[in-house]
N, C-alpha and C. Protein backbone atom coordinates (compact mmCIF):
# COMPACT_ATOMS: atom_id res chain seq x y z
N MET A 1 -52.44 -21.04 0.60
CA MET A 1 -52.18 -19.65 0.87
C MET A 1 -51.13 -19.44 1.96
N ILE A 2 -51.23 -20.30 3.01
CA ILE A 2 -50.24 -20.16 4.13
C ILE A 2 -48.84 -20.61 3.60
N MET A 3 -48.80 -21.61 2.74
CA MET A 3 -47.55 -22.08 2.17
C MET A 3 -46.86 -20.95 1.36
N LYS A 4 -47.70 -20.20 0.56
CA LYS A 4 -47.16 -19.16 -0.24
C LYS A 4 -46.63 -18.06 0.60
N ALA A 5 -47.33 -17.71 1.73
CA ALA A 5 -46.88 -16.63 2.69
C ALA A 5 -45.58 -17.09 3.26
N LYS A 6 -45.39 -18.30 3.68
CA LYS A 6 -44.12 -18.82 4.26
C LYS A 6 -43.00 -18.72 3.29
N THR A 7 -43.26 -19.03 2.02
CA THR A 7 -42.14 -18.97 1.03
C THR A 7 -41.75 -17.48 0.74
N VAL A 8 -42.76 -16.62 0.66
CA VAL A 8 -42.45 -15.20 0.52
C VAL A 8 -41.66 -14.68 1.71
N PHE A 9 -42.08 -15.04 2.95
CA PHE A 9 -41.40 -14.61 4.12
C PHE A 9 -39.98 -15.12 4.19
N ALA A 10 -39.74 -16.35 3.79
CA ALA A 10 -38.39 -16.95 3.73
C ALA A 10 -37.50 -16.23 2.71
N GLY A 11 -38.12 -15.95 1.62
CA GLY A 11 -37.35 -15.21 0.53
C GLY A 11 -36.97 -13.83 0.99
N LEU A 12 -37.92 -13.09 1.65
CA LEU A 12 -37.60 -11.72 2.14
C LEU A 12 -36.61 -11.75 3.25
N LEU A 13 -36.68 -12.78 4.17
CA LEU A 13 -35.68 -12.94 5.23
C LEU A 13 -34.30 -13.19 4.63
N LEU A 14 -34.16 -14.05 3.67
CA LEU A 14 -32.89 -14.30 3.01
C LEU A 14 -32.36 -13.03 2.37
N LEU A 15 -33.23 -12.28 1.68
CA LEU A 15 -32.78 -11.05 1.12
C LEU A 15 -32.26 -10.02 2.12
N VAL A 16 -32.97 -9.93 3.26
CA VAL A 16 -32.51 -9.04 4.31
C VAL A 16 -31.16 -9.45 4.88
N ILE A 17 -30.97 -10.79 5.06
CA ILE A 17 -29.71 -11.24 5.61
C ILE A 17 -28.60 -11.01 4.57
N MET A 18 -28.83 -11.18 3.29
CA MET A 18 -27.83 -10.88 2.29
C MET A 18 -27.47 -9.42 2.21
N ILE A 19 -28.41 -8.57 2.41
CA ILE A 19 -28.14 -7.11 2.39
C ILE A 19 -27.32 -6.73 3.56
N ILE A 20 -27.64 -7.31 4.72
CA ILE A 20 -26.84 -6.95 5.95
C ILE A 20 -25.39 -7.51 5.81
N PHE A 21 -25.27 -8.69 5.25
CA PHE A 21 -23.94 -9.24 5.01
C PHE A 21 -23.14 -8.40 4.08
N ALA A 22 -23.81 -7.92 3.00
CA ALA A 22 -23.10 -7.03 1.97
C ALA A 22 -22.68 -5.80 2.63
N PHE A 23 -23.52 -5.11 3.47
CA PHE A 23 -23.13 -3.91 4.11
C PHE A 23 -21.95 -4.14 5.07
N GLY A 24 -21.99 -5.27 5.80
CA GLY A 24 -20.98 -5.62 6.72
C GLY A 24 -19.62 -5.74 6.04
N ILE A 25 -19.57 -6.41 4.90
CA ILE A 25 -18.33 -6.53 4.11
C ILE A 25 -17.90 -5.17 3.66
N TYR A 26 -18.80 -4.38 3.15
CA TYR A 26 -18.46 -3.09 2.60
C TYR A 26 -17.78 -2.16 3.66
N TYR A 27 -18.42 -2.14 4.82
CA TYR A 27 -17.85 -1.32 5.89
C TYR A 27 -16.65 -1.90 6.57
N MET A 28 -16.39 -3.16 6.42
CA MET A 28 -15.20 -3.84 7.05
C MET A 28 -14.10 -4.02 6.08
N LYS A 29 -14.22 -3.56 4.80
CA LYS A 29 -13.27 -3.96 3.85
C LYS A 29 -11.82 -3.62 4.17
N ASP A 30 -11.54 -2.43 4.79
CA ASP A 30 -10.21 -2.09 5.14
C ASP A 30 -9.69 -2.98 6.26
N ASP A 31 -10.48 -3.21 7.29
CA ASP A 31 -10.03 -4.14 8.34
C ASP A 31 -9.84 -5.52 7.83
N LEU A 32 -10.70 -5.97 6.91
CA LEU A 32 -10.60 -7.31 6.28
C LEU A 32 -9.30 -7.48 5.60
N GLY A 33 -8.90 -6.45 4.82
CA GLY A 33 -7.64 -6.51 4.16
C GLY A 33 -6.46 -6.64 5.02
N MET A 34 -6.52 -5.94 6.15
CA MET A 34 -5.39 -6.08 7.17
C MET A 34 -5.38 -7.50 7.76
N LYS A 35 -6.50 -8.10 8.05
CA LYS A 35 -6.56 -9.43 8.55
C LYS A 35 -6.01 -10.44 7.52
N ILE A 36 -6.39 -10.27 6.28
CA ILE A 36 -5.96 -11.09 5.25
C ILE A 36 -4.39 -11.04 5.13
N GLY A 37 -3.96 -9.81 5.14
CA GLY A 37 -2.52 -9.53 4.97
C GLY A 37 -1.69 -10.12 6.15
N LYS A 38 -2.23 -10.07 7.35
CA LYS A 38 -1.58 -10.66 8.50
C LYS A 38 -1.55 -12.20 8.43
N SER A 39 -2.64 -12.79 7.94
CA SER A 39 -2.69 -14.24 7.96
C SER A 39 -1.87 -14.87 6.80
N VAL A 40 -1.88 -14.24 5.64
CA VAL A 40 -1.25 -14.71 4.45
C VAL A 40 0.13 -14.21 4.29
N GLY A 41 0.42 -13.01 4.75
CA GLY A 41 1.77 -12.49 4.65
C GLY A 41 1.82 -11.35 3.65
N ASN A 42 1.28 -11.58 2.42
CA ASN A 42 1.33 -10.59 1.33
C ASN A 42 -0.09 -10.38 0.81
N LYS A 43 -0.37 -9.13 0.40
CA LYS A 43 -1.65 -8.96 -0.37
C LYS A 43 -1.35 -9.21 -1.84
N ASN A 44 -0.18 -8.96 -2.34
CA ASN A 44 0.21 -9.31 -3.68
C ASN A 44 1.73 -9.61 -3.68
N ALA A 45 2.11 -10.21 -4.82
CA ALA A 45 3.49 -10.64 -4.92
C ALA A 45 4.57 -9.57 -4.92
N PHE A 46 4.15 -8.30 -5.13
CA PHE A 46 5.14 -7.27 -5.34
C PHE A 46 5.17 -6.33 -4.13
N GLN A 47 4.47 -6.57 -3.08
CA GLN A 47 4.42 -5.66 -1.95
C GLN A 47 5.61 -5.71 -1.03
N ASP A 48 6.20 -6.87 -0.84
CA ASP A 48 7.26 -6.96 0.18
C ASP A 48 8.66 -6.97 -0.33
N TYR A 49 8.83 -6.88 -1.65
CA TYR A 49 10.19 -6.85 -2.16
C TYR A 49 10.83 -5.47 -1.88
N LYS A 50 12.14 -5.43 -1.78
CA LYS A 50 12.80 -4.11 -1.52
C LYS A 50 13.62 -3.71 -2.69
N VAL A 51 13.78 -2.38 -2.88
CA VAL A 51 14.57 -1.83 -3.96
C VAL A 51 15.50 -0.80 -3.35
N ASP A 52 16.77 -0.94 -3.77
CA ASP A 52 17.82 0.02 -3.27
C ASP A 52 18.73 0.37 -4.40
N THR A 53 19.06 1.64 -4.53
CA THR A 53 20.01 2.12 -5.58
C THR A 53 21.35 2.37 -4.84
N LYS A 54 22.41 2.06 -5.62
CA LYS A 54 23.80 2.30 -5.16
C LYS A 54 24.53 3.04 -6.22
N PHE A 55 25.00 4.22 -5.99
CA PHE A 55 25.77 4.96 -6.91
C PHE A 55 27.18 5.25 -6.23
N GLN A 56 28.24 4.60 -6.73
CA GLN A 56 29.55 4.90 -6.22
C GLN A 56 30.66 4.42 -7.29
N ASP A 57 31.70 5.24 -7.29
CA ASP A 57 32.82 4.93 -8.13
C ASP A 57 32.45 4.73 -9.62
N GLY A 58 31.53 5.56 -10.12
CA GLY A 58 31.07 5.43 -11.45
C GLY A 58 30.19 4.24 -11.74
N SER A 59 29.77 3.52 -10.76
CA SER A 59 28.90 2.36 -10.91
C SER A 59 27.47 2.70 -10.46
N PHE A 60 26.56 2.33 -11.26
CA PHE A 60 25.09 2.56 -11.00
C PHE A 60 24.37 1.23 -10.92
N ARG A 61 23.91 0.90 -9.74
CA ARG A 61 23.23 -0.32 -9.49
C ARG A 61 21.91 -0.20 -8.75
N VAL A 62 20.97 -1.08 -9.15
CA VAL A 62 19.74 -1.22 -8.46
C VAL A 62 19.63 -2.65 -7.92
N GLU A 63 19.42 -2.76 -6.64
CA GLU A 63 19.25 -4.07 -6.06
C GLU A 63 17.81 -4.28 -5.71
N MET A 64 17.26 -5.43 -6.17
CA MET A 64 15.92 -5.83 -5.88
C MET A 64 15.99 -7.10 -5.01
N ARG A 65 15.47 -6.98 -3.78
CA ARG A 65 15.59 -8.14 -2.85
C ARG A 65 14.28 -8.75 -2.57
N ASP A 66 14.22 -10.01 -2.34
CA ASP A 66 13.04 -10.77 -1.93
C ASP A 66 12.00 -10.86 -3.07
N LEU A 67 12.39 -11.00 -4.27
CA LEU A 67 11.45 -11.25 -5.30
C LEU A 67 11.02 -12.74 -5.28
N VAL A 68 9.74 -12.99 -5.43
CA VAL A 68 9.26 -14.32 -5.37
C VAL A 68 8.38 -14.66 -6.60
N THR A 69 8.60 -15.81 -7.19
CA THR A 69 7.76 -16.27 -8.27
C THR A 69 7.78 -17.82 -8.31
N SER A 70 6.80 -18.36 -9.03
CA SER A 70 6.75 -19.81 -9.15
C SER A 70 7.90 -20.24 -10.12
N THR A 71 8.24 -21.60 -9.98
CA THR A 71 9.22 -22.10 -10.95
C THR A 71 8.44 -22.57 -12.18
N GLY A 72 9.14 -22.88 -13.19
CA GLY A 72 8.54 -23.40 -14.47
C GLY A 72 8.37 -24.89 -14.41
N SER A 73 8.40 -25.49 -13.25
CA SER A 73 8.39 -26.92 -13.17
C SER A 73 6.94 -27.52 -13.27
N GLY A 74 5.93 -26.74 -13.06
CA GLY A 74 4.56 -27.27 -13.02
C GLY A 74 4.25 -27.80 -11.63
N LYS A 75 5.17 -27.75 -10.71
CA LYS A 75 4.90 -28.26 -9.32
C LYS A 75 4.77 -27.07 -8.46
N LYS A 76 4.36 -27.32 -7.17
CA LYS A 76 4.19 -26.21 -6.23
C LYS A 76 5.60 -25.81 -5.63
N GLU A 77 6.42 -25.19 -6.47
CA GLU A 77 7.70 -24.74 -6.16
C GLU A 77 7.85 -23.30 -6.45
N TYR A 78 8.71 -22.61 -5.78
CA TYR A 78 8.89 -21.15 -6.09
C TYR A 78 10.40 -20.83 -5.95
N TYR A 79 10.70 -19.67 -6.57
CA TYR A 79 12.03 -19.07 -6.41
C TYR A 79 11.90 -17.86 -5.50
N ARG A 80 12.83 -17.68 -4.71
CA ARG A 80 12.92 -16.43 -3.95
C ARG A 80 14.36 -15.92 -4.24
N TYR A 81 14.53 -14.75 -4.77
CA TYR A 81 15.86 -14.31 -5.22
C TYR A 81 16.01 -12.82 -5.07
N ASP A 82 17.30 -12.41 -5.02
CA ASP A 82 17.67 -11.04 -5.01
C ASP A 82 18.50 -10.86 -6.29
N ILE A 83 18.38 -9.78 -6.94
CA ILE A 83 19.10 -9.45 -8.17
C ILE A 83 19.61 -8.03 -8.13
N MET A 84 20.85 -7.92 -8.63
CA MET A 84 21.46 -6.54 -8.77
C MET A 84 21.53 -6.23 -10.26
N VAL A 85 20.98 -5.14 -10.61
CA VAL A 85 20.98 -4.66 -12.01
C VAL A 85 22.00 -3.51 -12.15
N GLU A 86 23.02 -3.75 -12.90
CA GLU A 86 24.08 -2.69 -13.11
C GLU A 86 23.68 -1.98 -14.41
N THR A 87 23.58 -0.67 -14.30
CA THR A 87 23.19 0.10 -15.53
C THR A 87 24.37 0.96 -16.02
N ALA A 88 24.23 1.38 -17.26
CA ALA A 88 25.25 2.18 -17.88
C ALA A 88 25.31 3.65 -17.38
N ASP A 89 24.20 4.10 -16.82
CA ASP A 89 24.09 5.47 -16.31
C ASP A 89 23.13 5.64 -15.17
N LYS A 90 23.24 6.73 -14.53
CA LYS A 90 22.44 7.01 -13.34
C LYS A 90 20.97 7.12 -13.69
N SER A 91 20.63 7.67 -14.86
CA SER A 91 19.28 7.87 -15.25
C SER A 91 18.60 6.45 -15.47
N SER A 92 19.27 5.54 -15.89
CA SER A 92 18.74 4.18 -16.12
C SER A 92 18.38 3.55 -14.80
N ALA A 93 19.37 3.72 -13.83
CA ALA A 93 19.08 3.16 -12.47
C ALA A 93 17.86 3.80 -11.80
N LYS A 94 17.85 5.14 -11.91
CA LYS A 94 16.64 5.83 -11.40
C LYS A 94 15.38 5.38 -12.03
N ARG A 95 15.44 5.13 -13.31
CA ARG A 95 14.25 4.71 -14.05
C ARG A 95 13.79 3.33 -13.63
N ILE A 96 14.70 2.43 -13.42
CA ILE A 96 14.43 1.10 -12.90
C ILE A 96 13.78 1.18 -11.53
N LYS A 97 14.34 2.08 -10.67
CA LYS A 97 13.77 2.17 -9.35
C LYS A 97 12.31 2.68 -9.40
N LYS A 98 12.09 3.70 -10.29
CA LYS A 98 10.76 4.25 -10.42
C LYS A 98 9.76 3.18 -11.01
N LEU A 99 10.25 2.41 -11.89
CA LEU A 99 9.41 1.37 -12.55
C LEU A 99 9.61 -0.01 -11.89
N SER A 100 9.90 -0.06 -10.69
CA SER A 100 10.27 -1.28 -9.96
C SER A 100 9.15 -2.30 -10.00
N PRO A 101 7.88 -2.00 -9.84
CA PRO A 101 6.83 -2.97 -10.00
C PRO A 101 6.80 -3.71 -11.38
N GLN A 102 6.99 -2.84 -12.39
CA GLN A 102 6.96 -3.36 -13.78
C GLN A 102 8.18 -4.21 -14.02
N VAL A 103 9.37 -3.68 -13.60
CA VAL A 103 10.60 -4.44 -13.82
C VAL A 103 10.55 -5.73 -13.03
N ALA A 104 10.10 -5.71 -11.83
CA ALA A 104 9.97 -6.96 -11.01
C ALA A 104 9.07 -7.99 -11.81
N ALA A 105 8.01 -7.49 -12.33
CA ALA A 105 7.09 -8.35 -13.06
C ALA A 105 7.74 -8.98 -14.31
N ILE A 106 8.65 -8.23 -14.98
CA ILE A 106 9.37 -8.74 -16.11
C ILE A 106 10.34 -9.76 -15.64
N LEU A 107 11.12 -9.42 -14.56
CA LEU A 107 12.09 -10.41 -14.03
C LEU A 107 11.42 -11.74 -13.64
N ASN A 108 10.26 -11.66 -12.91
CA ASN A 108 9.49 -12.80 -12.44
C ASN A 108 8.99 -13.52 -13.61
N SER A 109 8.50 -12.88 -14.67
CA SER A 109 7.97 -13.65 -15.83
C SER A 109 9.03 -14.42 -16.52
N VAL A 110 10.30 -13.95 -16.57
CA VAL A 110 11.33 -14.69 -17.14
C VAL A 110 11.70 -15.94 -16.27
N MET A 111 11.91 -15.60 -14.99
CA MET A 111 12.25 -16.65 -14.01
C MET A 111 11.22 -17.77 -13.98
N SER A 112 9.98 -17.42 -13.97
CA SER A 112 8.90 -18.39 -13.85
C SER A 112 8.80 -19.39 -15.06
N THR A 113 9.50 -19.12 -16.11
CA THR A 113 9.38 -20.05 -17.23
C THR A 113 10.52 -21.14 -17.24
N PHE A 114 11.41 -21.11 -16.22
CA PHE A 114 12.47 -22.03 -16.14
C PHE A 114 12.39 -22.94 -14.88
N PRO A 115 12.32 -24.24 -15.02
CA PRO A 115 12.32 -25.10 -13.85
C PRO A 115 13.76 -25.08 -13.21
N PRO A 116 13.85 -25.49 -11.93
CA PRO A 116 15.16 -25.40 -11.26
C PRO A 116 16.28 -26.14 -11.99
N ASP A 117 15.96 -27.25 -12.60
CA ASP A 117 16.98 -28.11 -13.28
C ASP A 117 17.56 -27.40 -14.52
N LYS A 118 16.85 -26.34 -14.98
CA LYS A 118 17.37 -25.55 -16.09
C LYS A 118 18.11 -24.32 -15.65
N LEU A 119 18.39 -24.25 -14.33
CA LEU A 119 19.15 -23.11 -13.82
C LEU A 119 20.33 -23.72 -12.92
N SER A 120 20.72 -24.87 -13.16
CA SER A 120 21.69 -25.50 -12.34
C SER A 120 23.15 -25.16 -12.65
N THR A 121 23.38 -24.71 -13.89
CA THR A 121 24.82 -24.34 -14.29
C THR A 121 24.86 -22.80 -14.45
N GLU A 122 26.15 -22.41 -14.38
CA GLU A 122 26.41 -20.98 -14.55
C GLU A 122 26.01 -20.49 -15.93
N HIS A 123 26.23 -21.36 -16.97
CA HIS A 123 25.84 -21.04 -18.30
C HIS A 123 24.33 -20.79 -18.46
N GLN A 124 23.57 -21.65 -17.79
CA GLN A 124 22.05 -21.54 -17.89
C GLN A 124 21.65 -20.33 -17.14
N ARG A 125 22.20 -19.99 -15.97
CA ARG A 125 21.79 -18.78 -15.26
C ARG A 125 22.22 -17.55 -16.09
N ASN A 126 23.37 -17.55 -16.74
CA ASN A 126 23.76 -16.43 -17.57
C ASN A 126 22.72 -16.25 -18.73
N ARG A 127 22.23 -17.35 -19.25
CA ARG A 127 21.19 -17.20 -20.33
C ARG A 127 19.95 -16.57 -19.82
N VAL A 128 19.50 -16.95 -18.59
CA VAL A 128 18.36 -16.32 -17.98
C VAL A 128 18.55 -14.86 -17.73
N LYS A 129 19.70 -14.47 -17.26
CA LYS A 129 20.07 -13.00 -17.00
C LYS A 129 20.08 -12.29 -18.33
N GLN A 130 20.54 -12.89 -19.36
CA GLN A 130 20.50 -12.24 -20.68
C GLN A 130 19.12 -12.03 -21.17
N LEU A 131 18.23 -12.99 -20.98
CA LEU A 131 16.84 -12.90 -21.35
C LEU A 131 16.17 -11.76 -20.55
N MET A 132 16.47 -11.66 -19.26
CA MET A 132 15.93 -10.65 -18.39
C MET A 132 16.29 -9.26 -18.89
N ALA A 133 17.56 -9.08 -19.21
CA ALA A 133 18.05 -7.82 -19.70
C ALA A 133 17.40 -7.42 -21.01
N GLU A 134 17.26 -8.47 -21.95
CA GLU A 134 16.66 -8.20 -23.23
C GLU A 134 15.18 -7.80 -23.03
N LYS A 135 14.46 -8.48 -22.19
CA LYS A 135 13.01 -8.16 -21.95
C LYS A 135 12.85 -6.70 -21.35
N ILE A 136 13.77 -6.35 -20.43
CA ILE A 136 13.63 -5.03 -19.84
C ILE A 136 13.93 -3.94 -20.89
N THR A 137 14.98 -4.09 -21.68
CA THR A 137 15.34 -3.08 -22.61
C THR A 137 14.36 -3.11 -23.83
N GLU A 138 13.78 -4.22 -24.12
CA GLU A 138 12.71 -4.27 -25.16
C GLU A 138 11.51 -3.52 -24.73
N THR A 139 11.17 -3.62 -23.45
CA THR A 139 10.00 -2.87 -22.95
C THR A 139 10.31 -1.44 -22.65
N TYR A 140 11.54 -1.20 -22.16
CA TYR A 140 11.93 0.18 -21.80
C TYR A 140 13.27 0.51 -22.51
N PRO A 141 13.25 0.89 -23.79
CA PRO A 141 14.46 1.10 -24.51
C PRO A 141 15.44 2.16 -23.98
N GLU A 142 14.91 3.06 -23.12
CA GLU A 142 15.71 4.12 -22.49
C GLU A 142 16.62 3.58 -21.41
N ILE A 143 16.35 2.39 -20.93
CA ILE A 143 17.17 1.76 -19.78
C ILE A 143 18.30 1.02 -20.47
N LYS A 144 19.54 1.34 -19.99
CA LYS A 144 20.70 0.74 -20.59
C LYS A 144 21.30 -0.16 -19.45
N ILE A 145 21.25 -1.47 -19.67
CA ILE A 145 21.79 -2.46 -18.71
C ILE A 145 23.08 -2.93 -19.09
N LYS A 146 24.07 -2.92 -18.17
CA LYS A 146 25.39 -3.46 -18.35
C LYS A 146 25.42 -4.92 -17.98
N ASP A 147 24.83 -5.28 -16.75
CA ASP A 147 24.86 -6.65 -16.33
C ASP A 147 23.82 -6.90 -15.24
N LEU A 148 23.50 -8.16 -14.97
CA LEU A 148 22.68 -8.49 -13.88
C LEU A 148 23.41 -9.55 -13.03
N TYR A 149 23.19 -9.50 -11.76
CA TYR A 149 23.89 -10.45 -10.85
C TYR A 149 22.87 -11.04 -9.86
N PHE A 150 22.79 -12.27 -9.72
CA PHE A 150 21.99 -12.88 -8.68
C PHE A 150 22.85 -12.80 -7.43
N THR A 151 22.25 -12.09 -6.43
CA THR A 151 23.05 -11.94 -5.16
C THR A 151 22.52 -12.94 -4.14
N ASN A 152 21.33 -13.51 -4.33
CA ASN A 152 20.76 -14.58 -3.50
C ASN A 152 19.82 -15.29 -4.37
N TYR A 153 19.75 -16.62 -4.19
CA TYR A 153 18.92 -17.46 -5.09
C TYR A 153 18.55 -18.65 -4.32
N VAL A 154 17.30 -18.87 -4.08
CA VAL A 154 16.78 -20.10 -3.33
C VAL A 154 15.57 -20.54 -4.04
N TYR A 155 15.36 -21.83 -4.10
CA TYR A 155 14.09 -22.37 -4.64
C TYR A 155 13.63 -23.46 -3.74
N ASN A 156 12.36 -23.62 -3.65
CA ASN A 156 11.73 -24.66 -2.85
C ASN A 156 10.76 -25.48 -3.57
């Protein structure tokens, strides 16, 4: 009888501790997110990249800086790159800026399929840029892309 009472007491004590812990996490969730963001750097892959539009001399460009994705090598390597998307019209540039999280995801999905040794020549990089443009216009037919330019490209 005493053994059964101890088991029940231990179970209730564990339940109370779990409830207190759950309430603590629930009420600290906003502060916890900030602490995680400070220690890791990003809460997700798309938060820290920058998007800028440039309209001058009949040229419509959207620059996306600090995009990060894994390489297609299967190793713990990543690309960090900036890319300039030149569009045929102002509305396409504005649309890319508005859809920047989705466009960044498309760009990263293409980049992440190629290991660094498959991007070593200009011909290979042009093929990747062509695939990026095709994927964007396939997903968003209203966007008209003239060209893409890597303005910065690093892999580790």
